[in-house]
Amino acid sequence: MNLRGRNKVSPEFSMSSMTDIVFLLLVFFMLTSPVITPEALDLILPKAKGKTTNKHELAVSINKDMQMFINQEQIRKENLELELQKRLQSVETPTIILRAEESVPIQEAVYVMDVAKRNQFKVVLAVKP
């Protein structure tokens, strides 16, 4: 009497289902990556150890009370652009070091950067060493 079964298990492996899954994942990531990348930027400010090479720099500081200072001299926000123009008019490559406390709203820092861009000043953001 023959007790062998009629259905034999094939020891071969078919790659077609795995290829389909990889292709679907590839299409999914290609379609979703443009949606995610430009809108959400997760920025982590770098730590810096180097020194700048410019010899004449001005520091614009903004404290938590929204008071602005050029070096240690307090100025009004409305007078910032005129003061910077006056102090940096004879400098070959004018540079501003922007120091803002952590609790300062971003629009205050952007205002200083906008003033610098209009006058073609270079802006360096101060970070913790």
C-alpha atoms as a PDB file:
ATOM      1  CA  MET A   1       0.000   0.000   0.000  1.00  0.00           C
ATOM      2  CA  ASN A   2       1.314   3.449  -1.035  1.00  0.00           C
ATOM      3  CA  LEU A   3       0.791   6.106   1.713  1.00  0.00           C
ATOM      4  CA  ARG A   4       2.445   9.053   0.029  1.00  0.00           C
ATOM      5  CA  GLY A   5       0.338  12.147  -0.471  1.00  0.00           C
ATOM      6  CA  ARG A   6      -0.529  13.527  -3.839  1.00  0.00           C
ATOM      7  CA  ASN A   7       0.296  17.182  -2.966  1.00  0.00           C
ATOM      8  CA  LYS A   8       3.961  17.875  -2.826  1.00  0.00           C
ATOM      9  CA  VAL A   9       5.326  21.060  -1.226  1.00  0.00           C
ATOM     10  CA  SER A  10       7.635  22.895  -3.559  1.00  0.00           C
ATOM     11  CA  PRO A  11      10.887  24.039  -1.888  1.00  0.00           C
ATOM     12  CA  GLU A  12      11.217  27.004  -4.306  1.00  0.00           C
ATOM     13  CA  PHE A  13      10.651  30.572  -3.124  1.00  0.00           C
ATOM     14  CA  SER A  14       8.684  33.060  -5.194  1.00  0.00           C
ATOM     15  CA  MET A  15       9.977  36.638  -5.093  1.00  0.00           C
ATOM     16  CA  SER A  16       6.993  38.180  -6.893  1.00  0.00           C
ATOM     17  CA  SER A  17       5.020  39.028  -3.719  1.00  0.00           C
ATOM     18  CA  MET A  18       8.051  40.621  -2.048  1.00  0.00           C
ATOM     19  CA  THR A  19       8.770  42.645  -5.186  1.00  0.00           C
ATOM     20  CA  ASP A  20       5.191  43.937  -5.165  1.00  0.00           C
ATOM     21  CA  ILE A  21       5.494  45.072  -1.549  1.00  0.00           C
ATOM     22  CA  VAL A  22       8.799  46.860  -2.177  1.00  0.00           C
ATOM     23  CA  PHE A  23       7.348  48.576  -5.238  1.00  0.00           C
ATOM     24  CA  LEU A  24       4.300  49.776  -3.270  1.00  0.00           C
ATOM     25  CA  LEU A  25       6.520  51.128  -0.484  1.00  0.00           C
ATOM     26  CA  LEU A  26       8.680  52.933  -3.017  1.00  0.00           C
ATOM     27  CA  VAL A  27       5.650  54.573  -4.631  1.00  0.00           C
ATOM     28  CA  PHE A  28       4.238  55.518  -1.217  1.00  0.00           C
ATOM     29  CA  PHE A  29       7.444  57.242  -0.070  1.00  0.00           C
ATOM     30  CA  MET A  30       7.919  58.988  -3.404  1.00  0.00           C
ATOM     31  CA  LEU A  31       4.423  60.459  -3.193  1.00  0.00           C
ATOM     32  CA  THR A  32       4.534  61.497   0.465  1.00  0.00           C
ATOM     33  CA  SER A  33       8.069  62.921   0.701  1.00  0.00           C
ATOM     34  CA  PRO A  34       7.361  66.218  -1.153  1.00  0.00           C
ATOM     35  CA  VAL A  35       4.423  66.864   1.165  1.00  0.00           C
ATOM     36  CA  ILE A  36       6.463  66.503   4.349  1.00  0.00           C
ATOM     37  CA  THR A  37       9.821  68.086   3.515  1.00  0.00           C
ATOM     38  CA  PRO A  38       9.171  71.773   2.634  1.00  0.00           C
ATOM     39  CA  GLU A  39       6.518  72.467   5.253  1.00  0.00           C
ATOM     40  CA  ALA A  40       8.054  71.095   8.438  1.00  0.00           C
ATOM     41  CA  LEU A  41      11.643  71.926   9.283  1.00  0.00           C
ATOM     42  CA  ASP A  42      12.900  70.651  12.592  1.00  0.00           C
ATOM     43  CA  LEU A  43      15.784  72.972  13.406  1.00  0.00           C
ATOM     44  CA  ILE A  44      18.289  72.384  16.153  1.00  0.00           C
ATOM     45  CA  LEU A  45      20.653  75.272  16.718  1.00  0.00           C
ATOM     46  CA  PRO A  46      24.294  74.241  16.535  1.00  0.00           C
ATOM     47  CA  LYS A  47      26.895  74.730  19.184  1.00  0.00           C
ATOM     48  CA  ALA A  48      29.876  76.755  18.059  1.00  0.00           C
ATOM     49  CA  LYS A  49      33.479  76.866  19.190  1.00  0.00           C
ATOM     50  CA  GLY A  50      35.085  78.888  16.414  1.00  0.00           C
ATOM     51  CA  LYS A  51      35.730  82.593  16.261  1.00  0.00           C
ATOM     52  CA  THR A  52      34.759  84.988  13.517  1.00  0.00           C
ATOM     53  CA  THR A  53      37.437  86.690  11.446  1.00  0.00           C
ATOM     54  CA  ASN A  54      35.839  90.125  11.100  1.00  0.00           C
ATOM     55  CA  LYS A  55      37.563  92.887  13.029  1.00  0.00           C
ATOM     56  CA  HIS A  56      34.659  95.307  13.373  1.00  0.00           C
ATOM     57  CA  GLU A  57      31.401  93.854  14.596  1.00  0.00           C
ATOM     58  CA  LEU A  58      28.294  95.154  16.280  1.00  0.00           C
ATOM     59  CA  ALA A  59      26.228  93.102  18.655  1.00  0.00           C
ATOM     60  CA  VAL A  60      22.470  93.588  18.593  1.00  0.00           C
ATOM     61  CA  SER A  61      20.960  92.082  21.733  1.00  0.00           C
ATOM     62  CA  ILE A  62      17.303  91.543  22.589  1.00  0.00           C
ATOM     63  CA  ASN A  63      16.413  90.696  26.174  1.00  0.00           C
ATOM     64  CA  LYS A  64      13.270  89.064  27.553  1.00  0.00           C
ATOM     65  CA  ASP A  65      11.649  92.486  28.113  1.00  0.00           C
ATOM     66  CA  MET A  66      11.934  93.195  24.335  1.00  0.00           C
ATOM     67  CA  GLN A  67      14.551  95.893  24.890  1.00  0.00           C
ATOM     68  CA  MET A  68      17.120  96.244  22.111  1.00  0.00           C
ATOM     69  CA  PHE A  69      20.777  97.062  22.602  1.00  0.00           C
ATOM     70  CA  ILE A  70      23.620  97.839  20.231  1.00  0.00           C
ATOM     71  CA  ASN A  71      26.648  96.563  22.107  1.00  0.00           C
ATOM     72  CA  GLN A  72      25.708  97.775  25.634  1.00  0.00           C
ATOM     73  CA  GLU A  73      23.779 100.879  24.588  1.00  0.00           C
ATOM     74  CA  GLN A  74      19.990 100.618  24.745  1.00  0.00           C
ATOM     75  CA  ILE A  75      18.117 101.916  21.704  1.00  0.00           C
ATOM     76  CA  ARG A  76      14.526 102.061  20.535  1.00  0.00           C
ATOM     77  CA  LYS A  77      13.332  99.580  17.928  1.00  0.00           C
ATOM     78  CA  GLU A  78      12.378 102.395  15.550  1.00  0.00           C
ATOM     79  CA  ASN A  79      15.940 103.795  15.633  1.00  0.00           C
ATOM     80  CA  LEU A  80      17.700 100.461  15.029  1.00  0.00           C
ATOM     81  CA  GLU A  81      18.110 100.813  11.269  1.00  0.00           C
ATOM     82  CA  LEU A  82      19.445 104.382  11.410  1.00  0.00           C
ATOM     83  CA  GLU A  83      21.915 103.516  14.190  1.00  0.00           C
ATOM     84  CA  LEU A  84      23.223 100.501  12.325  1.00  0.00           C
ATOM     85  CA  GLN A  85      23.624 102.480   9.107  1.00  0.00           C
ATOM     86  CA  LYS A  86      25.492 105.213  10.946  1.00  0.00           C
ATOM     87  CA  ARG A  87      27.838 102.842  12.784  1.00  0.00           C
ATOM     88  CA  LEU A  88      28.556 100.530   9.845  1.00  0.00           C
ATOM     89  CA  GLN A  89      28.770 102.969   6.941  1.00  0.00           C
ATOM     90  CA  SER A  90      32.579 102.952   6.743  1.00  0.00           C
ATOM     91  CA  VAL A  91      33.044  99.203   7.309  1.00  0.00           C
ATOM     92  CA  GLU A  92      34.020  97.093   4.301  1.00  0.00           C
ATOM     93  CA  THR A  93      32.074  93.948   5.268  1.00  0.00           C
ATOM     94  CA  PRO A  94      29.561  95.006   7.922  1.00  0.00           C
ATOM     95  CA  THR A  95      28.607  92.229  10.314  1.00  0.00           C
ATOM     96  CA  ILE A  96      25.978  92.124  13.036  1.00  0.00           C
ATOM     97  CA  ILE A  97      25.998  89.545  15.817  1.00  0.00           C
ATOM     98  CA  LEU A  98      22.406  88.867  16.832  1.00  0.00           C
ATOM     99  CA  ARG A  99      21.943  87.801  20.451  1.00  0.00           C
ATOM    100  CA  ALA A 100      18.408  87.012  21.535  1.00  0.00           C
ATOM    101  CA  GLU A 101      17.251  85.312  24.719  1.00  0.00           C
ATOM    102  CA  GLU A 102      15.356  82.042  24.406  1.00  0.00           C
ATOM    103  CA  SER A 103      12.043  83.569  25.453  1.00  0.00           C
ATOM    104  CA  VAL A 104      12.146  86.316  22.792  1.00  0.00           C
ATOM    105  CA  PRO A 105       9.482  85.828  20.086  1.00  0.00           C
ATOM    106  CA  ILE A 106      10.911  84.975  16.692  1.00  0.00           C
ATOM    107  CA  GLN A 107       9.405  88.067  15.035  1.00  0.00           C
ATOM    108  CA  GLU A 108      11.787  90.286  17.005  1.00  0.00           C
ATOM    109  CA  ALA A 109      14.808  88.422  15.655  1.00  0.00           C
ATOM    110  CA  VAL A 110      13.316  88.429  12.154  1.00  0.00           C
ATOM    111  CA  TYR A 111      12.902  92.204  12.368  1.00  0.00           C
ATOM    112  CA  VAL A 112      16.637  92.612  13.000  1.00  0.00           C
ATOM    113  CA  MET A 113      17.438  90.204  10.154  1.00  0.00           C
ATOM    114  CA  ASP A 114      15.129  92.146   7.829  1.00  0.00           C
ATOM    115  CA  VAL A 115      16.889  95.410   8.673  1.00  0.00           C
ATOM    116  CA  ALA A 116      20.233  93.731   7.982  1.00  0.00           C
ATOM    117  CA  LYS A 117      19.040  92.341   4.653  1.00  0.00           C
ATOM    118  CA  ARG A 118      17.718  95.702   3.468  1.00  0.00           C
ATOM    119  CA  ASN A 119      21.104  97.272   4.205  1.00  0.00           C
ATOM    120  CA  GLN A 120      23.176  94.287   3.021  1.00  0.00           C
ATOM    121  CA  PHE A 121      24.677  93.581   6.428  1.00  0.00           C
ATOM    122  CA  LYS A 122      25.874  90.115   7.315  1.00  0.00           C
ATOM    123  CA  VAL A 123      24.062  88.571  10.315  1.00  0.00           C
ATOM    124  CA  VAL A 124      25.594  85.996  12.637  1.00  0.00           C
ATOM    125  CA  LEU A 125      23.286  84.334  15.153  1.00  0.00           C
ATOM    126  CA  ALA A 126      24.931  83.911  18.550  1.00  0.00           C
ATOM    127  CA  VAL A 127      24.612  80.463  20.131  1.00  0.00           C
ATOM    128  CA  LYS A 128      25.696  78.865  23.377  1.00  0.00           C
ATOM    129  CA  PRO A 129      29.220  77.491  23.257  1.00  0.00           C
END
